[in-house]
Amino acid sequence: MRHLIPIFIAILAVTASNAAVRTVSNNAAIPAQYTNLQTAINESAAGDTVYVSWSATSYGNVTLTKRIVMIGDGYNGGLSGKAAQIAEMIYSQTDNTTNCSGSFISGFKISTVRSGLTNGDPSIDDMIFTRCWITSNLYFYNTSNIAHNLHENWYFKDCILSQSAGANNSGNRFLGVSNVLFSNCVFINNFQNSGNAITFRNCNFFSFTSTLFFNCENMTLENCIFYDATPQGLANSVFNNCLTFSTNNDVIPYGSNTGSNNLVNENPMFINYIASFDLLDDIRLDDNSPAKTAGTDGTELGVFGGSKPMPDLSGEPNLPYIKSLIILNSEVGKDGSLKFKVEAQNNE
């Protein structure tokens, strides 16, 4: 995939008519239109696409103020340790009519995601993150300002996430965020301060043996696996077809929560996992696992179940890659035309 992306981008640049395509690389070995990611974003119009190469050097902090498609090479570079890295991603606005609602972000290793809004600014909605690793914090508010807005309709797919916070404190848990779906994601820390319609579907929770949720309610958890991660701290929530193992309290549901068809204190039988989640772990299920066909849809529990399982732990974006490129004319015509035949395959 790495060697074919430049060809694919060149074809996109020729054929795209409704949006511009820009390329970014601060890796001297991989040429691109820009070396600075924020500059490429600033010079993009709403709806444009920015492709970002892997690099050993972070692209630093970026602020999104318009709807944009931003695609990196992955959070683990095909398991080679090479990633498209961002320090802090700030979702924000240019004014009260233009913001980054509707953006699509895929294939990045990001330290922190947070709001750049202040009191009175409109919410930012309909954000999509796929195949990203948020290594430090996901905040649905501005960490430097206690005021925040109710962001709605966010979607996270095939991501790895550390600590997440729906609001900036316990009293504001019904602010911050509403109607969020985490699908086929890995969590390696806790979730705090949220009370508005968050769904976890086919997610794996690891490495947080103390209370996993703090001041949270109104959540739905389906087809999830809790391994060394205690699923306590929730109220008025639903656990359906989930599995718990090796936690401080395996019992689900509990208290004011409801649910059914859960597997309590059952070993999911990962192929190779000992403790403390690592990208080199093999968290696929053994064929004899009790979670193999225990999902609400009859597929397996965890990130490799559901209608669209997580493909792997590389974080590579779901882009088609070119299998063959055949030049059909032996030389460029007088009109400057070049005929070619391309065969591609989806990266699933």
Protein backbone atom coordinates (compact mmCIF):
# COMPACT_ATOMS: atom_id res chain seq x y z
CA MET A 1 0.00 0.00 0.00
CA ARG A 2 2.79 2.43 0.86
CA HIS A 3 4.28 2.47 -2.68
CA LEU A 4 0.94 2.67 -4.48
CA ILE A 5 -0.62 5.59 -2.59
CA PRO A 6 1.22 8.29 -4.64
CA ILE A 7 -0.16 6.79 -7.87
CA PHE A 8 -3.66 6.63 -6.40
CA ILE A 9 -3.44 10.24 -5.25
CA ALA A 10 -2.24 11.34 -8.69
CA ILE A 11 -5.26 9.69 -10.30
CA LEU A 12 -7.56 11.34 -7.75
CA ALA A 13 -6.02 14.72 -8.47
CA VAL A 14 -6.75 14.31 -12.19
CA THR A 15 -10.29 12.96 -11.84
CA ALA A 16 -11.68 14.83 -8.81
CA SER A 17 -13.95 17.70 -9.79
CA ASN A 18 -15.86 18.69 -6.66
CA ALA A 19 -13.05 18.83 -4.11
CA ALA A 20 -9.31 19.37 -4.08
CA VAL A 21 -6.84 16.73 -2.94
CA ARG A 22 -3.70 17.77 -1.06
CA THR A 23 -0.75 15.68 0.09
CA VAL A 24 1.41 16.28 3.17
CA SER A 25 4.71 14.78 4.26
CA ASN A 26 7.42 15.93 6.65
CA ASN A 27 9.34 12.77 5.77
CA ALA A 28 12.13 13.71 3.34
CA ALA A 29 11.93 10.30 1.72
CA ILE A 30 8.29 10.82 0.69
CA PRO A 31 7.66 13.92 -1.46
CA ALA A 32 4.35 15.77 -1.16
CA GLN A 33 2.78 19.16 -1.87
CA TYR A 34 3.14 20.32 1.74
CA THR A 35 5.45 19.62 4.65
CA ASN A 36 3.26 21.41 7.21
CA LEU A 37 -0.13 19.82 7.95
CA GLN A 38 -1.75 22.96 9.37
CA THR A 39 -0.81 24.91 6.25
CA ALA A 40 -2.45 22.29 4.05
CA ILE A 41 -5.60 22.44 6.20
CA ASN A 42 -5.67 26.25 6.13
CA GLU A 43 -5.41 26.29 2.34
CA SER A 44 -8.15 23.69 1.91
CA ALA A 45 -11.78 24.53 1.28
CA ALA A 46 -14.68 22.80 3.02
CA GLY A 47 -14.96 19.24 1.71
CA ASP A 48 -11.37 18.98 0.49
CA THR A 49 -9.23 15.91 1.19
CA VAL A 50 -5.77 15.93 2.81
CA TYR A 51 -3.58 12.81 2.64
CA VAL A 52 -0.81 12.60 5.26
CA SER A 53 2.23 10.35 5.04
CA TRP A 54 3.76 8.39 7.87
CA SER A 55 6.77 9.94 9.56
CA ALA A 56 8.98 9.49 12.58
CA THR A 57 8.29 13.16 13.34
CA SER A 58 4.93 14.36 14.64
CA TYR A 59 3.00 16.90 12.58
CA GLY A 60 2.40 18.84 15.79
CA ASN A 61 -0.85 20.51 16.83
CA VAL A 62 -3.61 21.08 14.28
CA THR A 63 -6.88 23.02 14.47
CA LEU A 64 -9.84 22.09 12.26
CA THR A 65 -12.18 24.99 11.49
CA LYS A 66 -13.95 23.63 8.41
CA ARG A 67 -15.41 20.33 7.20
CA ILE A 68 -12.48 18.31 5.94
CA VAL A 69 -11.47 14.76 5.02
CA MET A 70 -8.08 13.94 6.52
CA ILE A 71 -6.48 10.55 5.92
CA GLY A 72 -3.18 9.34 7.36
CA ASP A 73 -1.06 6.25 6.74
CA GLY A 74 -2.15 4.61 10.00
CA TYR A 75 -1.41 4.70 13.72
CA ASN A 76 1.08 1.88 13.60
CA GLY A 77 2.34 1.96 10.04
CA GLY A 78 1.34 -1.57 9.09
CA LEU A 79 2.70 -2.76 12.47
CA SER A 80 6.13 -1.34 11.55
CA GLY A 81 6.06 1.43 14.14
CA LYS A 82 5.79 4.17 11.51
CA ALA A 83 2.72 6.34 11.95
CA ALA A 84 1.01 9.53 10.87
CA GLN A 85 1.30 11.38 14.18
CA ILE A 86 -0.52 14.46 15.52
CA ALA A 87 0.10 15.98 18.96
CA GLU A 88 -3.19 17.78 19.66
CA MET A 89 -6.21 17.89 17.35
CA ILE A 90 -8.55 20.77 18.14
CA TYR A 91 -12.01 20.81 16.59
CA SER A 92 -13.21 24.38 16.28
CA GLN A 93 -14.68 27.07 14.02
CA THR A 94 -13.82 30.15 11.98
CA ASP A 95 -16.97 32.01 13.01
CA ASN A 96 -20.49 31.27 14.27
CA THR A 97 -21.54 29.94 10.85
CA THR A 98 -18.53 27.89 9.77
CA ASN A 99 -17.00 25.04 11.78
CA CYS A 100 -15.58 21.56 11.24
CA SER A 101 -18.87 19.66 11.68
CA GLY A 102 -19.05 16.69 9.33
CA SER A 103 -15.29 16.10 9.14
CA PHE A 104 -13.84 12.63 8.51
CA ILE A 105 -10.55 11.67 10.20
CA SER A 106 -8.86 8.32 9.53
CA GLY A 107 -5.49 6.64 10.02
CA PHE A 108 -3.76 8.80 12.65
CA LYS A 109 -1.96 8.43 15.97
CA ILE A 110 -3.21 11.43 17.98
CA SER A 111 -2.23 12.38 21.51
CA THR A 112 -5.28 14.51 22.45
CA VAL A 113 -8.57 15.44 20.78
CA ARG A 114 -10.45 18.40 22.29
CA SER A 115 -12.77 21.31 21.56
CA GLY A 116 -11.48 24.78 20.72
CA LEU A 117 -14.84 26.44 21.35
CA THR A 118 -15.79 28.92 24.03
CA ASN A 119 -19.05 29.77 25.72
CA GLY A 120 -21.84 30.62 23.28
CA ASP A 121 -20.23 29.01 20.23
CA PRO A 122 -22.33 26.51 18.26
CA SER A 123 -21.85 22.77 18.73
CA ILE A 124 -19.77 20.63 16.41
CA ASP A 125 -21.69 17.62 15.17
CA ASP A 126 -21.44 14.61 12.85
CA MET A 127 -17.72 13.98 13.32
CA ILE A 128 -16.30 10.63 12.17
CA PHE A 129 -13.04 9.05 13.38
CA THR A 130 -11.94 5.71 11.94
CA ARG A 131 -8.77 3.69 12.54
CA CYS A 132 -7.23 6.30 14.84
CA TRP A 133 -5.32 5.77 18.08
CA ILE A 134 -5.98 8.54 20.61
CA THR A 135 -3.11 7.84 22.98
CA SER A 136 -3.80 10.34 25.78
CA ASN A 137 -7.26 11.95 26.01
CA LEU A 138 -10.49 12.41 24.09
CA TYR A 139 -12.35 15.45 25.44
CA PHE A 140 -15.77 16.60 24.26
CA TYR A 141 -15.04 20.06 25.64
CA ASN A 142 -12.38 22.76 25.80
CA THR A 143 -9.86 21.90 28.50
CA SER A 144 -8.98 25.57 29.05
CA ASN A 145 -12.57 26.77 29.49
CA ILE A 146 -15.26 25.28 31.74
CA ALA A 147 -17.98 26.23 29.22
CA HIS A 148 -18.74 23.69 26.54
CA ASN A 149 -21.47 22.73 24.11
CA LEU A 150 -23.61 19.68 23.49
CA HIS A 151 -21.95 18.03 20.49
CA GLU A 152 -24.10 15.40 18.75
CA ASN A 153 -23.82 12.44 16.40
CA TRP A 154 -20.15 11.47 16.66
CA TYR A 155 -18.95 8.10 15.33
CA PHE A 156 -15.77 6.21 16.21
CA LYS A 157 -14.93 3.01 14.28
CA ASP A 158 -11.90 0.71 14.60
CA CYS A 159 -10.16 3.12 16.99
CA ILE A 160 -7.98 2.67 20.08
CA LEU A 161 -8.79 5.14 22.85
CA SER A 162 -7.29 6.05 26.17
CA GLN A 163 -9.15 8.22 28.70
CA SER A 164 -12.38 9.80 27.43
CA ALA A 165 -14.48 12.52 29.03
CA GLY A 166 -17.94 13.57 27.91
CA ALA A 167 -18.00 16.72 30.07
CA ASN A 168 -15.53 18.74 32.08
CA ASN A 169 -16.89 17.76 35.50
CA SER A 170 -19.43 15.56 37.23
CA GLY A 171 -22.12 18.22 37.40
CA ASN A 172 -22.03 18.78 33.63
CA ARG A 173 -22.41 15.16 32.59
CA PHE A 174 -25.60 15.91 30.63
CA LEU A 175 -23.70 18.49 28.59
CA GLY A 176 -20.71 17.84 26.39
CA VAL A 177 -21.91 15.11 24.04
CA SER A 178 -25.00 13.19 22.95
CA ASN A 179 -25.70 10.32 20.56
CA VAL A 180 -22.20 8.88 20.14
CA LEU A 181 -21.38 5.44 18.76
CA PHE A 182 -18.12 3.61 19.47
CA SER A 183 -18.03 0.56 17.19
CA ASN A 184 -15.26 -2.08 17.17
CA CYS A 185 -13.00 0.08 19.34
CA VAL A 186 -10.39 -0.80 21.97
CA PHE A 187 -10.42 1.12 25.27
CA ILE A 188 -7.36 1.09 27.54
CA ASN A 189 -8.51 3.57 30.19
CA ASN A 190 -11.69 4.91 31.78
CA PHE A 191 -14.67 6.98 30.60
CA GLN A 192 -15.83 9.94 32.68
CA ASN A 193 -18.72 12.37 33.09
CA SER A 194 -21.33 11.49 30.50
CA GLY A 195 -25.08 11.04 30.68
CA ASN A 196 -26.34 11.31 27.12
CA ALA A 197 -26.96 8.36 24.80
CA ILE A 198 -23.54 6.79 24.22
CA THR A 199 -23.40 3.33 22.64
CA PHE A 200 -20.48 0.89 22.73
CA ARG A 201 -20.86 -1.93 20.20
CA ASN A 202 -18.33 -4.75 19.78
CA CYS A 203 -15.71 -2.98 21.88
CA ASN A 204 -12.88 -4.42 23.98
CA PHE A 205 -12.04 -2.86 27.35
CA PHE A 206 -8.58 -3.60 28.80
CA SER A 207 -6.12 -2.66 31.51
CA PHE A 208 -8.23 -0.65 33.95
CA THR A 209 -9.01 -2.87 36.91
CA SER A 210 -10.47 -0.07 39.04
CA THR A 211 -13.86 1.43 38.18
CA LEU A 212 -14.05 1.81 34.40
CA PHE A 213 -16.83 4.42 34.35
CA PHE A 214 -17.00 7.51 36.52
CA ASN A 215 -20.23 9.49 36.85
CA CYS A 216 -21.75 8.00 33.70
CA GLU A 217 -25.29 6.93 32.82
CA ASN A 218 -27.68 6.33 29.91
CA MET A 219 -25.21 4.16 28.01
CA THR A 220 -25.80 1.04 25.92
CA LEU A 221 -23.16 -1.70 25.74
CA GLU A 222 -23.59 -4.55 23.27
CA ASN A 223 -21.28 -7.42 22.32
CA CYS A 224 -18.42 -5.98 24.41
CA ILE A 225 -15.59 -7.75 26.23
CA PHE A 226 -14.31 -6.49 29.60
CA TYR A 227 -10.91 -8.05 30.36
CA ASP A 228 -8.97 -6.65 33.35
CA ALA A 229 -11.39 -3.71 33.11
CA THR A 230 -14.07 -3.44 35.79
CA PRO A 231 -17.38 -2.33 34.20
CA GLN A 232 -18.62 -0.56 37.34
CA GLY A 233 -19.68 3.07 37.77
CA LEU A 234 -22.67 3.10 35.40
CA ALA A 235 -26.32 3.91 36.13
CA ASN A 236 -29.50 3.57 34.06
CA SER A 237 -27.60 1.75 31.33
CA VAL A 238 -27.98 -1.49 29.37
CA PHE A 239 -25.58 -4.44 29.07
CA ASN A 240 -26.57 -6.91 26.35
CA ASN A 241 -24.46 -9.89 25.23
CA CYS A 242 -21.32 -8.68 26.98
CA LEU A 243 -18.55 -10.70 28.62
CA THR A 244 -16.56 -9.98 31.78
CA PHE A 245 -13.37 -11.69 32.94
CA SER A 246 -10.57 -11.04 35.44
CA THR A 247 -12.02 -7.78 36.76
CA ASN A 248 -12.51 -6.56 40.33
CA ASN A 249 -16.27 -7.08 39.96
CA ASP A 250 -17.47 -9.17 37.02
CA VAL A 251 -21.21 -8.92 37.71
CA ILE A 252 -23.34 -7.27 34.99
CA PRO A 253 -25.92 -5.82 34.99
CA TYR A 254 -25.99 -4.28 38.48
CA GLY A 255 -27.81 -1.52 40.36
CA SER A 256 -30.18 0.45 38.12
CA ASN A 257 -28.76 -1.13 34.96
CA THR A 258 -30.53 -3.79 32.89
CA GLY A 259 -29.66 -6.28 30.17
CA SER A 260 -29.54 -9.93 29.19
CA ASN A 261 -27.48 -12.75 27.63
CA ASN A 262 -24.26 -11.66 29.33
CA LEU A 263 -21.33 -13.98 30.05
CA VAL A 264 -20.07 -13.25 33.57
CA ASN A 265 -16.55 -14.28 34.58
CA GLU A 266 -15.96 -16.25 31.37
CA ASN A 267 -12.50 -16.37 29.79
CA PRO A 268 -12.80 -15.01 26.21
CA MET A 269 -9.76 -17.07 25.24
CA PHE A 270 -7.74 -14.57 23.25
CA ILE A 271 -5.10 -16.22 21.10
CA ASN A 272 -2.24 -14.28 22.72
CA TYR A 273 -2.96 -11.81 25.51
CA ILE A 274 -1.45 -11.77 29.00
CA ALA A 275 -1.93 -8.33 30.58
CA SER A 276 -1.74 -4.64 29.67
CA PHE A 277 -2.89 -4.26 26.08
CA ASP A 278 -0.16 -4.03 23.45
CA LEU A 279 -0.39 -3.59 19.68
CA LEU A 280 1.52 -6.83 19.23
CA ASP A 281 -1.07 -8.82 21.19
CA ASP A 282 -3.25 -11.22 19.25
CA ILE A 283 -6.73 -10.45 20.60
CA ARG A 284 -8.55 -12.66 18.12
CA LEU A 285 -10.71 -15.31 19.77
CA ASP A 286 -9.77 -18.97 19.90
CA ASP A 287 -12.22 -21.19 18.01
CA ASN A 288 -13.34 -22.66 21.34
CA SER A 289 -14.06 -19.28 22.95
CA PRO A 290 -17.49 -18.93 24.61
CA ALA A 291 -17.68 -15.49 22.94
CA LYS A 292 -17.30 -16.88 19.43
CA THR A 293 -21.00 -16.80 18.49
CA ALA A 294 -22.43 -14.93 21.49
CA GLY A 295 -23.21 -11.58 19.84
CA THR A 296 -26.68 -10.12 19.39
CA ASP A 297 -26.27 -10.82 15.65
CA GLY A 298 -24.79 -14.30 16.11
CA THR A 299 -21.23 -13.17 15.40
CA GLU A 300 -18.46 -13.02 17.98
CA LEU A 301 -18.09 -10.55 20.81
CA GLY A 302 -15.42 -7.88 20.71
CA VAL A 303 -13.71 -5.90 17.97
CA PHE A 304 -13.59 -8.73 15.43
CA GLY A 305 -17.35 -9.30 15.53
CA GLY A 306 -20.36 -7.53 14.10
CA SER A 307 -21.23 -6.71 10.51
CA LYS A 308 -17.94 -4.87 9.86
CA PRO A 309 -15.18 -6.29 12.10
CA MET A 310 -11.98 -4.40 12.81
CA PRO A 311 -9.56 -5.53 10.07
CA ASP A 312 -6.34 -5.44 12.15
CA LEU A 313 -4.34 -3.25 14.51
CA SER A 314 -2.38 -1.31 11.88
CA GLY A 315 -4.77 1.62 11.67
CA GLU A 316 -4.32 1.79 7.91
CA PRO A 317 -7.25 3.68 6.34
CA ASN A 318 -9.93 1.96 4.33
CA LEU A 319 -8.64 3.09 0.96
CA PRO A 320 -8.61 1.04 -2.23
CA TYR A 321 -5.11 0.05 -3.26
CA ILE A 322 -4.00 -0.42 -6.84
CA LYS A 323 -3.34 -4.02 -7.89
CA SER A 324 -2.27 -3.14 -11.43
CA LEU A 325 -1.78 -0.04 -13.58
CA ILE A 326 -1.47 -0.58 -17.33
CA ILE A 327 -0.59 2.28 -19.71
CA LEU A 328 -2.64 1.72 -22.88
CA ASN A 329 -0.90 4.13 -25.29
CA SER A 330 2.84 3.83 -25.90
CA GLU A 331 3.30 7.60 -25.94
CA VAL A 332 1.38 10.69 -24.89
CA GLY A 333 -0.98 11.84 -27.65
CA LYS A 334 -0.76 15.22 -29.34
CA ASP A 335 -3.61 16.41 -27.18
CA GLY A 336 -1.64 15.46 -24.07
CA SER A 337 -3.91 12.54 -23.21
CA LEU A 338 -2.78 9.35 -21.49
CA LYS A 339 -4.93 6.24 -21.46
CA PHE A 340 -4.58 3.72 -18.65
CA LYS A 341 -6.36 0.78 -17.06
CA VAL A 342 -6.45 0.44 -13.29
CA GLU A 343 -7.46 -2.55 -11.17
CA ALA A 344 -7.97 -1.86 -7.46
CA GLN A 345 -9.04 -3.69 -4.32
CA ASN A 346 -10.54 -2.35 -1.10
CA ASN A 347 -8.32 -2.34 1.98
CA GLU A 348 -10.65 -4.25 4.33
